[in-house]
């Protein structure tokens, strides 16, 4: 279930519900409801999660494949320099 994968992703990243929510522009309660299965994520939320955390959208939606998108060394260097 996507809600279980969301929780697993958050824990893998070492983020609290509040921290994850801040990074994608939603509140702690929204993350809690997504993880519990009470709410389903919007298309916008799924895309934000994937782009913000470099998550494989197929994995998030279906559980197939790897959790994270593998990035080239050049992409990693570019991101690092952008963070500086």
Protein backbone atom coordinates (compact mmCIF):
# COMPACT_ATOMS: atom_id res chain seq x y z
CA UNK A 1 0.00 0.00 0.00
CA UNK A 2 1.22 3.49 -0.84
CA UNK A 3 0.65 4.68 2.73
CA UNK A 4 3.08 2.05 4.03
CA UNK A 5 5.67 3.02 1.42
CA UNK A 6 5.33 6.69 2.41
CA UNK A 7 6.03 5.81 6.02
CA UNK A 8 8.95 3.59 5.04
CA UNK A 9 10.36 6.39 2.87
CA UNK A 10 10.10 8.92 5.68
CA UNK A 11 11.81 6.60 8.14
CA UNK A 12 14.54 5.74 5.61
CA UNK A 13 15.20 9.47 5.20
CA UNK A 14 15.28 9.90 8.98
CA UNK A 15 12.58 12.58 8.94
CA UNK A 16 9.75 13.27 11.36
CA UNK A 17 6.28 13.74 9.91
CA UNK A 18 6.66 17.47 10.55
CA UNK A 19 10.04 17.65 8.77
CA UNK A 20 8.79 15.73 5.75
CA UNK A 21 5.69 17.89 5.56
CA UNK A 22 7.71 21.11 5.64
CA UNK A 23 9.87 19.92 2.75
CA UNK A 24 6.84 19.37 0.52
CA UNK A 25 4.66 22.17 1.85
CA UNK A 26 2.08 20.28 3.91
CA UNK A 27 1.46 19.93 7.62
CA UNK A 28 2.33 17.12 10.00
CA UNK A 29 -1.34 16.12 10.15
CA UNK A 30 -1.44 15.65 6.38
CA UNK A 31 1.57 13.33 6.49
CA UNK A 32 0.02 11.42 9.38
CA UNK A 33 -3.25 10.95 7.45
CA UNK A 34 -1.37 9.82 4.33
CA UNK A 35 0.66 7.28 6.31
CA UNK A 36 -2.39 5.92 8.10
CA UNK A 37 -4.27 5.52 4.83
CA UNK A 38 -6.98 7.93 5.97
CA UNK A 39 -6.20 10.18 2.97
CA UNK A 40 -4.72 9.38 -0.42
CA UNK A 41 -2.04 11.69 -1.82
CA UNK A 42 -2.96 14.00 -4.67
CA UNK A 43 -1.06 13.78 -7.95
CA UNK A 44 0.71 17.00 -6.95
CA UNK A 45 1.80 15.50 -3.62
CA UNK A 46 3.11 12.32 -5.28
CA UNK A 47 5.14 14.39 -7.76
CA UNK A 48 6.47 16.65 -4.99
CA UNK A 49 7.58 13.65 -2.94
CA UNK A 50 9.30 12.10 -5.95
CA UNK A 51 11.14 15.25 -7.01
CA UNK A 52 12.00 16.48 -3.51
CA UNK A 53 13.37 13.17 -2.27
CA UNK A 54 14.57 11.64 -5.58
CA UNK A 55 12.02 8.82 -5.23
CA UNK A 56 11.14 6.38 -7.99
CA UNK A 57 7.48 7.14 -8.78
CA UNK A 58 6.81 3.55 -9.84
CA UNK A 59 8.07 2.30 -6.48
CA UNK A 60 5.95 4.82 -4.59
CA UNK A 61 2.79 3.93 -6.50
CA UNK A 62 3.22 0.16 -6.91
CA UNK A 63 6.13 -1.01 -4.78
CA UNK A 64 8.03 -2.20 -7.87
CA UNK A 65 11.65 -1.29 -8.45
CA UNK A 66 14.04 0.62 -6.22
CA UNK A 67 12.94 3.25 -3.70
CA UNK A 68 15.29 5.90 -5.02
CA UNK A 69 16.26 6.95 -8.53
CA UNK A 70 19.90 6.26 -9.19
CA UNK A 71 21.68 9.49 -10.07
CA UNK A 72 24.89 9.85 -12.04
CA UNK A 73 28.03 11.20 -10.41
CA UNK A 74 27.65 14.43 -12.42
CA UNK A 75 24.08 14.90 -11.15
CA UNK A 76 25.29 14.39 -7.58
CA UNK A 77 28.09 16.94 -8.02
CA UNK A 78 25.73 19.48 -9.62
CA UNK A 79 23.25 19.09 -6.76
CA UNK A 80 26.02 19.41 -4.19
CA UNK A 81 27.34 22.60 -5.77
CA UNK A 82 23.81 23.97 -5.98
CA UNK A 83 23.41 23.39 -2.24
CA UNK A 84 26.54 25.42 -1.53
